[in-house]
Amino acid sequence: MAKRGGFPGGMGMPGNMNNLMKQAQKMQKQMEESQKELETKEFTATAGGGAVEVTVSGKKEITKVKLAEEVVDPDDIEMLEDLIVAATNEALRKMEEATTSAMAKLTGGFGGGFPF
């Protein structure tokens, strides 16, 4: 007599789905923990040979801007603005790089997807 319906191997498929769900839940918890850890970190970058220093948090918020006295020139505000933008963008890039790296470790390089 032939088996009726179902998957070959009896209950093998539902068992595999259960394992996949457990793995997905574990990965999600690890990603949440990793994200919380990253949010507590700070990333600092400088521009103008260290004349401007900007620090951002893992939450993408600027937490500190430090200016060397000599860079504050009322006759060249545009240069100071450019240096602040450059330092801020570099600090944000460092934060994004750290986030991408942490997530790649968890997902095995699958870019947030699951290996199936």
PDB file of N, CA and C in Angstrom:
ATOM      1  N   MET A   1       0.835  -1.189   0.000  1.00  0.00           N
ATOM      2  CA  MET A   1       0.000   0.000   0.000  1.00  0.00           C
ATOM      3  C   MET A   1       0.872   1.241   0.000  1.00  0.00           C
ATOM      4  N   ALA A   2       0.523   2.206  -0.816  1.00  0.00           N
ATOM      5  CA  ALA A   2       1.275   3.457  -0.882  1.00  0.00           C
ATOM      6  C   ALA A   2       0.880   4.378   0.265  1.00  0.00           C
ATOM      7  N   LYS A   3       1.874   5.162   0.696  1.00  0.00           N
ATOM      8  CA  LYS A   3       1.574   6.155   1.732  1.00  0.00           C
ATOM      9  C   LYS A   3       0.676   7.228   1.152  1.00  0.00           C
ATOM     10  N   ARG A   4      -0.154   7.771   2.007  1.00  0.00           N
ATOM     11  CA  ARG A   4      -1.032   8.843   1.552  1.00  0.00           C
ATOM     12  C   ARG A   4      -0.403  10.199   1.868  1.00  0.00           C
ATOM     13  N   GLY A   5      -0.210  11.015   0.839  1.00  0.00           N
ATOM     14  CA  GLY A   5       0.243  12.401   1.017  1.00  0.00           C
ATOM     15  C   GLY A   5       1.482  12.511   1.886  1.00  0.00           C
ATOM     16  N   GLY A   6       1.678  13.683   2.420  1.00  0.00           N
ATOM     17  CA  GLY A   6       2.805  13.903   3.312  1.00  0.00           C
ATOM     18  C   GLY A   6       4.115  14.011   2.561  1.00  0.00           C
ATOM     19  N   PHE A   7       5.180  14.082   3.329  1.00  0.00           N
ATOM     20  CA  PHE A   7       6.519  14.215   2.757  1.00  0.00           C
ATOM     21  C   PHE A   7       7.240  12.891   2.901  1.00  0.00           C
ATOM     22  N   PRO A   8       8.157  12.601   2.012  1.00  0.00           N
ATOM     23  CA  PRO A   8       8.946  11.374   2.157  1.00  0.00           C
ATOM     24  C   PRO A   8       9.657  11.387   3.510  1.00  0.00           C
ATOM     25  N   GLY A   9       9.687  10.273   4.154  1.00  0.00           N
ATOM     26  CA  GLY A   9      10.366  10.205   5.439  1.00  0.00           C
ATOM     27  C   GLY A   9       9.438  10.526   6.594  1.00  0.00           C
ATOM     28  N   GLY A  10       8.168  10.540   6.384  1.00  0.00           N
ATOM     29  CA  GLY A  10       7.227  10.754   7.472  1.00  0.00           C
ATOM     30  C   GLY A  10       7.255  12.183   7.998  1.00  0.00           C
ATOM     31  N   MET A  11       7.616  12.352   9.270  1.00  0.00           N
ATOM     32  CA  MET A  11       7.553  13.649   9.933  1.00  0.00           C
ATOM     33  C   MET A  11       8.869  14.421   9.815  1.00  0.00           C
ATOM     34  N   GLY A  12       9.723  14.055   8.911  1.00  0.00           N
ATOM     35  CA  GLY A  12      11.030  14.714   8.780  1.00  0.00           C
ATOM     36  C   GLY A  12      10.930  16.201   8.486  1.00  0.00           C
ATOM     37  N   MET A  13      10.047  16.595   7.622  1.00  0.00           N
ATOM     38  CA  MET A  13       9.949  17.994   7.225  1.00  0.00           C
ATOM     39  C   MET A  13       9.501  18.896   8.374  1.00  0.00           C
ATOM     40  N   PRO A  14       8.438  18.562   9.083  1.00  0.00           N
ATOM     41  CA  PRO A  14       8.058  19.437  10.199  1.00  0.00           C
ATOM     42  C   PRO A  14       9.175  19.563  11.249  1.00  0.00           C
ATOM     43  N   GLY A  15       9.918  18.488  11.473  1.00  0.00           N
ATOM     44  CA  GLY A  15      11.035  18.556  12.417  1.00  0.00           C
ATOM     45  C   GLY A  15      12.095  19.541  11.943  1.00  0.00           C
ATOM     46  N   ASN A  16      12.394  19.529  10.641  1.00  0.00           N
ATOM     47  CA  ASN A  16      13.368  20.462  10.085  1.00  0.00           C
ATOM     48  C   ASN A  16      12.879  21.899  10.183  1.00  0.00           C
ATOM     49  N   MET A  17      11.598  22.110   9.954  1.00  0.00           N
ATOM     50  CA  MET A  17      11.039  23.465  10.057  1.00  0.00           C
ATOM     51  C   MET A  17      11.148  23.966  11.499  1.00  0.00           C
ATOM     52  N   ASN A  18      10.905  23.079  12.444  1.00  0.00           N
ATOM     53  CA  ASN A  18      11.011  23.447  13.859  1.00  0.00           C
ATOM     54  C   ASN A  18      12.442  23.869  14.186  1.00  0.00           C
ATOM     55  N   ASN A  19      13.417  23.108  13.690  1.00  0.00           N
ATOM     56  CA  ASN A  19      14.823  23.461  13.908  1.00  0.00           C
ATOM     57  C   ASN A  19      15.164  24.796  13.259  1.00  0.00           C
ATOM     58  N   LEU A  20      14.663  25.025  12.053  1.00  0.00           N
ATOM     59  CA  LEU A  20      14.905  26.295  11.367  1.00  0.00           C
ATOM     60  C   LEU A  20      14.328  27.458  12.161  1.00  0.00           C
ATOM     61  N   MET A  21      13.140  27.268  12.709  1.00  0.00           N
ATOM     62  CA  MET A  21      12.509  28.331  13.501  1.00  0.00           C
ATOM     63  C   MET A  21      13.334  28.615  14.754  1.00  0.00           C
ATOM     64  N   LYS A  22      13.820  27.566  15.398  1.00  0.00           N
ATOM     65  CA  LYS A  22      14.658  27.761  16.590  1.00  0.00           C
ATOM     66  C   LYS A  22      15.943  28.508  16.230  1.00  0.00           C
ATOM     67  N   GLN A  23      16.561  28.143  15.105  1.00  0.00           N
ATOM     68  CA  GLN A  23      17.779  28.823  14.664  1.00  0.00           C
ATOM     69  C   GLN A  23      17.502  30.283  14.338  1.00  0.00           C
ATOM     70  N   ALA A  24      16.375  30.550  13.692  1.00  0.00           N
ATOM     71  CA  ALA A  24      16.010  31.922  13.339  1.00  0.00           C
ATOM     72  C   ALA A  24      15.772  32.751  14.598  1.00  0.00           C
ATOM     73  N   GLN A  25      15.101  32.172  15.584  1.00  0.00           N
ATOM     74  CA  GLN A  25      14.853  32.894  16.835  1.00  0.00           C
ATOM     75  C   GLN A  25      16.158  33.170  17.572  1.00  0.00           C
ATOM     76  N   LYS A  26      17.056  32.198  17.576  1.00  0.00           N
ATOM     77  CA  LYS A  26      18.349  32.376  18.232  1.00  0.00           C
ATOM     78  C   LYS A  26      19.141  33.489  17.538  1.00  0.00           C
ATOM     79  N   MET A  27      19.138  33.473  16.197  1.00  0.00           N
ATOM     80  CA  MET A  27      19.857  34.487  15.441  1.00  0.00           C
ATOM     81  C   MET A  27      19.260  35.873  15.692  1.00  0.00           C
ATOM     82  N   GLN A  28      17.941  35.949  15.754  1.00  0.00           N
ATOM     83  CA  GLN A  28      17.277  37.238  15.993  1.00  0.00           C
ATOM     84  C   GLN A  28      17.670  37.775  17.366  1.00  0.00           C
ATOM     85  N   LYS A  29      17.714  36.919  18.368  1.00  0.00           N
ATOM     86  CA  LYS A  29      18.096  37.351  19.721  1.00  0.00           C
ATOM     87  C   LYS A  29      19.546  37.839  19.725  1.00  0.00           C
ATOM     88  N   GLN A  30      20.435  37.109  19.041  1.00  0.00           N
ATOM     89  CA  GLN A  30      21.840  37.513  18.970  1.00  0.00           C
ATOM     90  C   GLN A  30      21.984  38.848  18.249  1.00  0.00           C
ATOM     91  N   MET A  31      21.197  39.058  17.190  1.00  0.00           N
ATOM     92  CA  MET A  31      21.262  40.307  16.447  1.00  0.00           C
ATOM     93  C   MET A  31      20.777  41.470  17.317  1.00  0.00           C
ATOM     94  N   GLU A  32      19.727  41.252  18.095  1.00  0.00           N
ATOM     95  CA  GLU A  32      19.217  42.293  18.983  1.00  0.00           C
ATOM     96  C   GLU A  32      20.256  42.647  20.044  1.00  0.00           C
ATOM     97  N   GLU A  33      20.896  41.632  20.617  1.00  0.00           N
ATOM     98  CA  GLU A  33      21.936  41.870  21.623  1.00  0.00           C
ATOM     99  C   GLU A  33      23.115  42.614  21.013  1.00  0.00           C
ATOM    100  N   SER A  34      23.504  42.223  19.814  1.00  0.00           N
ATOM    101  CA  SER A  34      24.614  42.865  19.127  1.00  0.00           C
ATOM    102  C   SER A  34      24.277  44.322  18.820  1.00  0.00           C
ATOM    103  N   GLN A  35      23.036  44.578  18.392  1.00  0.00           N
ATOM    104  CA  GLN A  35      22.607  45.948  18.085  1.00  0.00           C
ATOM    105  C   GLN A  35      22.639  46.811  19.342  1.00  0.00           C
ATOM    106  N   LYS A  36      22.171  46.267  20.470  1.00  0.00           N
ATOM    107  CA  LYS A  36      22.192  47.021  21.735  1.00  0.00           C
ATOM    108  C   LYS A  36      23.625  47.354  22.131  1.00  0.00           C
ATOM    109  N   GLU A  37      24.523  46.397  21.941  1.00  0.00           N
ATOM    110  CA  GLU A  37      25.935  46.617  22.266  1.00  0.00           C
ATOM    111  C   GLU A  37      26.524  47.710  21.378  1.00  0.00           C
ATOM    112  N   LEU A  38      26.209  47.670  20.087  1.00  0.00           N
ATOM    113  CA  LEU A  38      26.715  48.686  19.159  1.00  0.00           C
ATOM    114  C   LEU A  38      26.186  50.074  19.511  1.00  0.00           C
ATOM    115  N   GLU A  39      24.940  50.144  19.981  1.00  0.00           N
ATOM    116  CA  GLU A  39      24.346  51.436  20.316  1.00  0.00           C
ATOM    117  C   GLU A  39      25.066  52.106  21.483  1.00  0.00           C
ATOM    118  N   THR A  40      25.757  51.332  22.313  1.00  0.00           N
ATOM    119  CA  THR A  40      26.470  51.912  23.452  1.00  0.00           C
ATOM    120  C   THR A  40      27.868  52.392  23.072  1.00  0.00           C
ATOM    121  N   LYS A  41      28.334  51.996  21.906  1.00  0.00           N
ATOM    122  CA  LYS A  41      29.685  52.376  21.475  1.00  0.00           C
ATOM    123  C   LYS A  41      29.692  53.764  20.853  1.00  0.00           C
ATOM    124  N   GLU A  42      30.889  54.356  20.823  1.00  0.00           N
ATOM    125  CA  GLU A  42      31.078  55.647  20.175  1.00  0.00           C
ATOM    126  C   GLU A  42      32.145  55.517  19.099  1.00  0.00           C
ATOM    127  N   PHE A  43      32.012  56.322  18.047  1.00  0.00           N
ATOM    128  CA  PHE A  43      32.922  56.291  16.922  1.00  0.00           C
ATOM    129  C   PHE A  43      33.383  57.722  16.660  1.00  0.00           C
ATOM    130  N   THR A  44      34.690  57.923  16.640  1.00  0.00           N
ATOM    131  CA  THR A  44      35.256  59.255  16.504  1.00  0.00           C
ATOM    132  C   THR A  44      36.092  59.349  15.237  1.00  0.00           C
ATOM    133  N   ALA A  45      35.984  60.501  14.577  1.00  0.00           N
ATOM    134  CA  ALA A  45      36.796  60.763  13.385  1.00  0.00           C
ATOM    135  C   ALA A  45      37.238  62.222  13.426  1.00  0.00           C
ATOM    136  N   THR A  46      38.351  62.487  12.739  1.00  0.00           N
ATOM    137  CA  THR A  46      38.879  63.849  12.694  1.00  0.00           C
ATOM    138  C   THR A  46      38.997  64.316  11.249  1.00  0.00           C
ATOM    139  N   ALA A  47      39.121  65.623  11.102  1.00  0.00           N
ATOM    140  CA  ALA A  47      39.364  66.222   9.788  1.00  0.00           C
ATOM    141  C   ALA A  47      40.289  67.412  10.002  1.00  0.00           C
ATOM    142  N   GLY A  48      40.926  67.839   8.924  1.00  0.00           N
ATOM    143  CA  GLY A  48      41.823  68.982   9.015  1.00  0.00           C
ATOM    144  C   GLY A  48      43.021  68.714   9.897  1.00  0.00           C
ATOM    145  N   GLY A  49      43.557  67.507   9.797  1.00  0.00           N
ATOM    146  CA  GLY A  49      44.727  67.161  10.597  1.00  0.00           C
ATOM    147  C   GLY A  49      44.445  67.148  12.085  1.00  0.00           C
ATOM    148  N   GLY A  50      43.207  66.854  12.453  1.00  0.00           N
ATOM    149  CA  GLY A  50      42.832  66.788  13.876  1.00  0.00           C
ATOM    150  C   GLY A  50      42.239  68.086  14.396  1.00  0.00           C
ATOM    151  N   ALA A  51      42.085  69.083  13.534  1.00  0.00           N
ATOM    152  CA  ALA A  51      41.535  70.370  13.967  1.00  0.00           C
ATOM    153  C   ALA A  51      40.060  70.254  14.342  1.00  0.00           C
ATOM    154  N   VAL A  52      39.364  69.304  13.725  1.00  0.00           N
ATOM    155  CA  VAL A  52      37.959  69.053  14.026  1.00  0.00           C
ATOM    156  C   VAL A  52      37.813  67.577  14.361  1.00  0.00           C
ATOM    157  N   GLU A  53      37.149  67.311  15.476  1.00  0.00           N
ATOM    158  CA  GLU A  53      36.908  65.931  15.902  1.00  0.00           C
ATOM    159  C   GLU A  53      35.422  65.775  16.189  1.00  0.00           C
ATOM    160  N   VAL A  54      34.809  64.747  15.608  1.00  0.00           N
ATOM    161  CA  VAL A  54      33.383  64.488  15.801  1.00  0.00           C
ATOM    162  C   VAL A  54      33.215  63.063  16.307  1.00  0.00           C
ATOM    163  N   THR A  55      32.355  62.921  17.310  1.00  0.00           N
ATOM    164  CA  THR A  55      32.045  61.609  17.873  1.00  0.00           C
ATOM    165  C   THR A  55      30.558  61.343  17.681  1.00  0.00           C
ATOM    166  N   VAL A  56      30.248  60.137  17.185  1.00  0.00           N
ATOM    167  CA  VAL A  56      28.852  59.726  17.026  1.00  0.00           C
ATOM    168  C   VAL A  56      28.627  58.448  17.825  1.00  0.00           C
ATOM    169  N   SER A  57      27.380  58.246  18.223  1.00  0.00           N
ATOM    170  CA  SER A  57      27.020  57.024  18.935  1.00  0.00           C
ATOM    171  C   SER A  57      26.561  55.979  17.937  1.00  0.00           C
ATOM    172  N   GLY A  58      26.414  54.754  18.424  1.00  0.00           N
ATOM    173  CA  GLY A  58      25.886  53.680  17.597  1.00  0.00           C
ATOM    174  C   GLY A  58      24.434  53.906  17.230  1.00  0.00           C
ATOM    175  N   LYS A  59      23.802  54.911  17.838  1.00  0.00           N
ATOM    176  CA  LYS A  59      22.417  55.267  17.516  1.00  0.00           C
ATOM    177  C   LYS A  59      22.362  56.345  16.440  1.00  0.00           C
ATOM    178  N   LYS A  60      23.509  56.616  15.826  1.00  0.00           N
ATOM    179  CA  LYS A  60      23.625  57.619  14.759  1.00  0.00           C
ATOM    180  C   LYS A  60      23.347  59.026  15.263  1.00  0.00           C
ATOM    181  N   GLU A  61      23.763  59.308  16.492  1.00  0.00           N
ATOM    182  CA  GLU A  61      23.607  60.643  17.053  1.00  0.00           C
ATOM    183  C   GLU A  61      24.985  61.233  17.304  1.00  0.00           C
ATOM    184  N   ILE A  62      25.147  62.516  16.976  1.00  0.00           N
ATOM    185  CA  ILE A  62      26.405  63.195  17.271  1.00  0.00           C
ATOM    186  C   ILE A  62      26.438  63.444  18.773  1.00  0.00           C
ATOM    187  N   THR A  63      27.491  62.957  19.427  1.00  0.00           N
ATOM    188  CA  THR A  63      27.598  63.126  20.880  1.00  0.00           C
ATOM    189  C   THR A  63      28.623  64.173  21.278  1.00  0.00           C
ATOM    190  N   LYS A  64      29.562  64.494  20.350  1.00  0.00           N
ATOM    191  CA  LYS A  64      30.581  65.478  20.694  1.00  0.00           C
ATOM    192  C   LYS A  64      31.199  66.070  19.433  1.00  0.00           C
ATOM    193  N   VAL A  65      31.452  67.362  19.491  1.00  0.00           N
ATOM    194  CA  VAL A  65      32.208  68.058  18.448  1.00  0.00           C
ATOM    195  C   VAL A  65      33.300  68.832  19.169  1.00  0.00           C
ATOM    196  N   LYS A  66      34.540  68.604  18.764  1.00  0.00           N
ATOM    197  CA  LYS A  66      35.685  69.274  19.377  1.00  0.00           C
ATOM    198  C   LYS A  66      36.423  70.055  18.299  1.00  0.00           C
ATOM    199  N   LEU A  67      36.663  71.337  18.554  1.00  0.00           N
ATOM    200  CA  LEU A  67      37.325  72.198  17.580  1.00  0.00           C
ATOM    201  C   LEU A  67      38.622  72.734  18.165  1.00  0.00           C
ATOM    202  N   ALA A  68      39.678  72.683  17.372  1.00  0.00           N
ATOM    203  CA  ALA A  68      40.930  73.315  17.776  1.00  0.00           C
ATOM    204  C   ALA A  68      40.746  74.825  17.609  1.00  0.00           C
ATOM    205  N   GLU A  69      41.298  75.579  18.523  1.00  0.00           N
ATOM    206  CA  GLU A  69      41.113  77.026  18.520  1.00  0.00           C
ATOM    207  C   GLU A  69      41.504  77.674  17.195  1.00  0.00           C
ATOM    208  N   GLU A  70      42.585  77.194  16.600  1.00  0.00           N
ATOM    209  CA  GLU A  70      43.078  77.820  15.370  1.00  0.00           C
ATOM    210  C   GLU A  70      42.167  77.613  14.166  1.00  0.00           C
ATOM    211  N   VAL A  71      41.241  76.643  14.235  1.00  0.00           N
ATOM    212  CA  VAL A  71      40.360  76.388  13.097  1.00  0.00           C
ATOM    213  C   VAL A  71      39.141  77.316  13.124  1.00  0.00           C
ATOM    214  N   VAL A  72      38.921  77.993  14.237  1.00  0.00           N
ATOM    215  CA  VAL A  72      37.783  78.898  14.362  1.00  0.00           C
ATOM    216  C   VAL A  72      38.203  80.277  13.837  1.00  0.00           C
ATOM    217  N   ASP A  73      37.992  80.470  12.546  1.00  0.00           N
ATOM    218  CA  ASP A  73      38.375  81.706  11.870  1.00  0.00           C
ATOM    219  C   ASP A  73      37.113  82.377  11.340  1.00  0.00           C
ATOM    220  N   PRO A  74      36.730  83.516  11.918  1.00  0.00           N
ATOM    221  CA  PRO A  74      35.496  84.184  11.480  1.00  0.00           C
ATOM    222  C   PRO A  74      35.516  84.555   9.997  1.00  0.00           C
ATOM    223  N   ASP A  75      36.696  84.661   9.403  1.00  0.00           N
ATOM    224  CA  ASP A  75      36.800  85.006   7.984  1.00  0.00           C
ATOM    225  C   ASP A  75      36.723  83.785   7.071  1.00  0.00           C
ATOM    226  N   ASP A  76      36.702  82.578   7.664  1.00  0.00           N
ATOM    227  CA  ASP A  76      36.644  81.361   6.840  1.00  0.00           C
ATOM    228  C   ASP A  76      35.728  80.325   7.492  1.00  0.00           C
ATOM    229  N   ILE A  77      34.497  80.712   7.713  1.00  0.00           N
ATOM    230  CA  ILE A  77      33.513  79.820   8.326  1.00  0.00           C
ATOM    231  C   ILE A  77      33.238  78.619   7.419  1.00  0.00           C
ATOM    232  N   GLU A  78      33.281  78.828   6.118  1.00  0.00           N
ATOM    233  CA  GLU A  78      33.001  77.758   5.159  1.00  0.00           C
ATOM    234  C   GLU A  78      33.966  76.579   5.332  1.00  0.00           C
ATOM    235  N   MET A  79      35.238  76.861   5.578  1.00  0.00           N
ATOM    236  CA  MET A  79      36.204  75.782   5.780  1.00  0.00           C
ATOM    237  C   MET A  79      35.850  74.979   7.030  1.00  0.00           C
ATOM    238  N   LEU A  80      35.485  75.669   8.100  1.00  0.00           N
ATOM    239  CA  LEU A  80      35.115  74.988   9.339  1.00  0.00           C
ATOM    240  C   LEU A  80      33.884  74.109   9.113  1.00  0.00           C
ATOM    241  N   GLU A  81      32.909  74.622   8.406  1.00  0.00           N
ATOM    242  CA  GLU A  81      31.708  73.839   8.098  1.00  0.00           C
ATOM    243  C   GLU A  81      32.068  72.576   7.317  1.00  0.00           C
ATOM    244  N   ASP A  82      32.943  72.724   6.324  1.00  0.00           N
ATOM    245  CA  ASP A  82      33.367  71.573   5.518  1.00  0.00           C
ATOM    246  C   ASP A  82      34.090  70.531   6.367  1.00  0.00           C
ATOM    247  N   LEU A  83      34.931  70.982   7.286  1.00  0.00           N
ATOM    248  CA  LEU A  83      35.670  70.058   8.154  1.00  0.00           C
ATOM    249  C   LEU A  83      34.723  69.312   9.087  1.00  0.00           C
ATOM    250  N   ILE A  84      33.714  70.001   9.600  1.00  0.00           N
ATOM    251  CA  ILE A  84      32.740  69.346  10.480  1.00  0.00           C
ATOM    252  C   ILE A  84      31.962  68.290   9.700  1.00  0.00           C
ATOM    253  N   VAL A  85      31.547  68.619   8.494  1.00  0.00           N
ATOM    254  CA  VAL A  85      30.820  67.661   7.650  1.00  0.00           C
ATOM    255  C   VAL A  85      31.704  66.451   7.358  1.00  0.00           C
ATOM    256  N   ALA A  86      32.959  66.689   6.990  1.00  0.00           N
ATOM    257  CA  ALA A  86      33.868  65.585   6.658  1.00  0.00           C
ATOM    258  C   ALA A  86      34.095  64.673   7.860  1.00  0.00           C
ATOM    259  N   ALA A  87      34.334  65.264   9.033  1.00  0.00           N
ATOM    260  CA  ALA A  87      34.570  64.453  10.232  1.00  0.00           C
ATOM    261  C   ALA A  87      33.316  63.687  10.625  1.00  0.00           C
ATOM    262  N   THR A  88      32.158  64.313  10.502  1.00  0.00           N
ATOM    263  CA  THR A  88      30.894  63.647  10.845  1.00  0.00           C
ATOM    264  C   THR A  88      30.636  62.471   9.905  1.00  0.00           C
ATOM    265  N   ASN A  89      30.811  62.679   8.622  1.00  0.00           N
ATOM    266  CA  ASN A  89      30.592  61.595   7.650  1.00  0.00           C
ATOM    267  C   ASN A  89      31.548  60.427   7.894  1.00  0.00           C
ATOM    268  N   GLU A  90      32.790  60.713   8.235  1.00  0.00           N
ATOM    269  CA  GLU A  90      33.762  59.648   8.499  1.00  0.00           C
ATOM    270  C   GLU A  90      33.392  58.878   9.767  1.00  0.00           C
ATOM    271  N   ALA A  91      32.949  59.590  10.807  1.00  0.00           N
ATOM    272  CA  ALA A  91      32.536  58.916  12.048  1.00  0.00           C
ATOM    273  C   ALA A  91      31.321  58.022  11.786  1.00  0.00           C
ATOM    274  N   LEU A  92      30.372  58.512  11.008  1.00  0.00           N
ATOM    275  CA  LEU A  92      29.195  57.703  10.662  1.00  0.00           C
ATOM    276  C   LEU A  92      29.592  56.487   9.826  1.00  0.00           C
ATOM    277  N   ARG A  93      30.554  56.667   8.918  1.00  0.00           N
ATOM    278  CA  ARG A  93      31.031  55.540   8.105  1.00  0.00           C
ATOM    279  C   ARG A  93      31.650  54.469   8.990  1.00  0.00           C
ATOM    280  N   LYS A  94      32.436  54.893   9.993  1.00  0.00           N
ATOM    281  CA  LYS A  94      33.046  53.939  10.923  1.00  0.00           C
ATOM    282  C   LYS A  94      31.973  53.166  11.687  1.00  0.00           C
ATOM    283  N   MET A  95      30.923  53.872  12.117  1.00  0.00           N
ATOM    284  CA  MET A  95      29.836  53.235  12.851  1.00  0.00           C
ATOM    285  C   MET A  95      29.111  52.226  11.959  1.00  0.00           C
ATOM    286  N   GLU A  96      28.831  52.599  10.716  1.00  0.00           N
ATOM    287  CA  GLU A  96      28.158  51.691   9.788  1.00  0.00           C
ATOM    288  C   GLU A  96      29.016  50.462   9.495  1.00  0.00           C
ATOM    289  N   GLU A  97      30.314  50.677   9.354  1.00  0.00           N
ATOM    290  CA  GLU A  97      31.245  49.571   9.095  1.00  0.00           C
ATOM    291  C   GLU A  97      31.233  48.583  10.265  1.00  0.00           C
ATOM    292  N   ALA A  98      31.233  49.101  11.487  1.00  0.00           N
ATOM    293  CA  ALA A  98      31.201  48.236  12.677  1.00  0.00           C
ATOM    294  C   ALA A  98      29.886  47.468  12.745  1.00  0.00           C
ATOM    295  N   THR A  99      28.791  48.122  12.395  1.00  0.00           N
ATOM    296  CA  THR A  99      27.479  47.469  12.407  1.00  0.00           C
ATOM    297  C   THR A  99      27.430  46.357  11.362  1.00  0.00           C
ATOM    298  N   THR A 100      27.887  46.642  10.162  1.00  0.00           N
ATOM    299  CA  THR A 100      27.892  45.649   9.087  1.00  0.00           C
ATOM    300  C   THR A 100      28.759  44.450   9.467  1.00  0.00           C
ATOM    301  N   SER A 101      29.912  44.725  10.045  1.00  0.00           N
ATOM    302  CA  SER A 101      30.826  43.662  10.450  1.00  0.00           C
ATOM    303  C   SER A 101      30.201  42.778  11.527  1.00  0.00           C
ATOM    304  N   ALA A 102      29.564  43.392  12.506  1.00  0.00           N
ATOM    305  CA  ALA A 102      28.936  42.627  13.592  1.00  0.00           C
ATOM    306  C   ALA A 102      27.805  41.758  13.063  1.00  0.00           C
ATOM    307  N   MET A 103      27.004  42.286  12.152  1.00  0.00           N
ATOM    308  CA  MET A 103      25.888  41.523  11.607  1.00  0.00           C
ATOM    309  C   MET A 103      26.393  40.385  10.710  1.00  0.00           C
ATOM    310  N   ALA A 104      27.472  40.627   9.961  1.00  0.00           N
ATOM    311  CA  ALA A 104      28.025  39.594   9.090  1.00  0.00           C
ATOM    312  C   ALA A 104      28.533  38.408   9.909  1.00  0.00           C
ATOM    313  N   LYS A 105      29.076  38.680  11.101  1.00  0.00           N
ATOM    314  CA  LYS A 105      29.540  37.593  11.970  1.00  0.00           C
ATOM    315  C   LYS A 105      28.370  36.713  12.388  1.00  0.00           C
ATOM    316  N   LEU A 106      27.228  37.336  12.669  1.00  0.00           N
ATOM    317  CA  LEU A 106      26.062  36.579  13.119  1.00  0.00           C
ATOM    318  C   LEU A 106      25.398  35.795  11.988  1.00  0.00           C
ATOM    319  N   THR A 107      25.367  36.403  10.816  1.00  0.00           N
ATOM    320  CA  THR A 107      24.633  35.772   9.718  1.00  0.00           C
ATOM    321  C   THR A 107      25.530  34.942   8.818  1.00  0.00           C
ATOM    322  N   GLY A 108      26.807  34.879   9.132  1.00  0.00           N
ATOM    323  CA  GLY A 108      27.727  34.097   8.320  1.00  0.00           C
ATOM    324  C   GLY A 108      27.919  34.696   6.939  1.00  0.00           C
ATOM    325  N   GLY A 109      27.758  36.017   6.835  1.00  0.00           N
ATOM    326  CA  GLY A 109      27.960  36.689   5.565  1.00  0.00           C
ATOM    327  C   GLY A 109      26.773  36.628   4.626  1.00  0.00           C
ATOM    328  N   PHE A 110      25.610  36.225   5.128  1.00  0.00           N
ATOM    329  CA  PHE A 110      24.426  36.140   4.271  1.00  0.00           C
ATOM    330  C   PHE A 110      23.657  37.456   4.218  1.00  0.00           C
ATOM    331  N   GLY A 111      24.233  38.532   4.783  1.00  0.00           N
ATOM    332  CA  GLY A 111      23.608  39.846   4.678  1.00  0.00           C
ATOM    333  C   GLY A 111      22.259  39.929   5.344  1.00  0.00           C
ATOM    334  N   GLY A 112      22.094  39.260   6.476  1.00  0.00           N
ATOM    335  CA  GLY A 112      20.840  39.337   7.195  1.00  0.00           C
ATOM    336  C   GLY A 112      19.869  38.241   6.813  1.00  0.00           C
ATOM    337  N   GLY A 113      20.170  37.495   5.789  1.00  0.00           N
ATOM    338  CA  GLY A 113      19.286  36.420   5.363  1.00  0.00           C
ATOM    339  C   GLY A 113      19.585  35.124   6.103  1.00  0.00           C
ATOM    340  N   PHE A 114      18.861  34.108   5.749  1.00  0.00           N
ATOM    341  CA  PHE A 114      19.084  32.818   6.387  1.00  0.00           C
ATOM    342  C   PHE A 114      19.711  31.854   5.398  1.00  0.00           C
ATOM    343  N   PRO A 115      20.579  30.997   5.877  1.00  0.00           N
ATOM    344  CA  PRO A 115      21.310  30.079   4.984  1.00  0.00           C
ATOM    345  C   PRO A 115      20.492  28.885   4.538  1.00  0.00           C
ATOM    346  N   PHE A 116      19.412  29.124   3.797  1.00  0.00           N
ATOM    347  CA  PHE A 116      18.642  28.006   3.243  1.00  0.00           C
ATOM    348  C   PHE A 116      18.086  28.343   1.908  1.00  0.00           C
TER     349      PHE A 116
END
